């Protein structure tokens, strides 16, 4: 007997649909704490927040 149903679960999970209930904004606001980011991006004053290469480290 050949194992023919090995990939059946993967195809079923990736091609299936499931109904989801999206909560109201009020319910989400009651559940989550207020969002106050430590760093806010400003398009008028762009900055680099974690450069991968600096002039002193790799531009020698």
Protein backbone atom coordinates (compact mmCIF):
# COMPACT_ATOMS: atom_id res chain seq x y z
CA UNK A 1 0.00 0.00 0.00
CA UNK A 2 1.45 3.36 -1.04
CA UNK A 3 1.24 6.36 1.37
CA UNK A 4 -0.74 8.67 -0.91
CA UNK A 5 -2.29 10.94 1.71
CA UNK A 6 0.98 12.34 3.10
CA UNK A 7 0.56 15.78 1.53
CA UNK A 8 -3.21 15.90 1.81
CA UNK A 9 -3.13 17.83 5.09
CA UNK A 10 -0.76 20.50 3.73
CA UNK A 11 -2.86 21.13 0.65
CA UNK A 12 -6.04 21.24 2.72
CA UNK A 13 -4.59 23.74 5.23
CA UNK A 14 -3.08 26.08 2.66
CA UNK A 15 -6.11 26.15 0.36
CA UNK A 16 -8.89 26.33 2.94
CA UNK A 17 -10.92 29.26 4.16
CA UNK A 18 -12.18 29.98 7.64
CA UNK A 19 -14.57 32.62 8.84
CA UNK A 20 -13.08 34.97 11.43
CA UNK A 21 -14.82 37.41 13.71
CA UNK A 22 -13.17 40.82 13.77
CA UNK A 23 -13.77 42.54 17.10
CA UNK A 24 -14.99 46.10 17.31
CA UNK A 25 -12.52 48.92 17.95
CA UNK A 26 -14.02 49.42 21.40
CA UNK A 27 -13.43 45.76 22.33
CA UNK A 28 -9.84 45.95 21.08
CA UNK A 29 -9.20 49.18 23.00
CA UNK A 30 -10.50 47.54 26.20
CA UNK A 31 -8.27 44.49 25.66
CA UNK A 32 -4.98 46.12 24.62
CA UNK A 33 -2.98 48.73 26.53
CA UNK A 34 -2.45 52.15 24.89
CA UNK A 35 0.23 52.15 22.19
CA UNK A 36 2.97 54.67 22.90
CA UNK A 37 6.03 53.91 20.75
CA UNK A 38 9.43 54.93 22.12
CA UNK A 39 10.60 56.09 18.70
CA UNK A 40 8.34 57.85 16.23
CA UNK A 41 9.34 58.17 12.59
CA UNK A 42 9.15 61.64 11.12
CA UNK A 43 9.19 61.86 7.31
CA UNK A 44 10.36 65.48 7.50
CA UNK A 45 13.37 64.48 9.63
CA UNK A 46 14.48 60.98 8.54
CA UNK A 47 16.96 59.16 10.75
CA UNK A 48 18.63 55.76 10.74
CA UNK A 49 17.69 53.84 13.87
CA UNK A 50 20.13 50.91 13.72
CA UNK A 51 22.58 51.19 10.88
CA UNK A 52 24.21 47.92 9.86
CA UNK A 53 27.42 49.68 8.85
CA UNK A 54 28.90 52.88 10.20
CA UNK A 55 31.62 55.04 8.69
CA UNK A 56 33.99 54.32 11.55
CA UNK A 57 33.41 50.56 11.50
CA UNK A 58 33.51 49.49 7.87
CA UNK A 59 34.45 52.43 5.63
CA UNK A 60 38.21 52.29 6.13
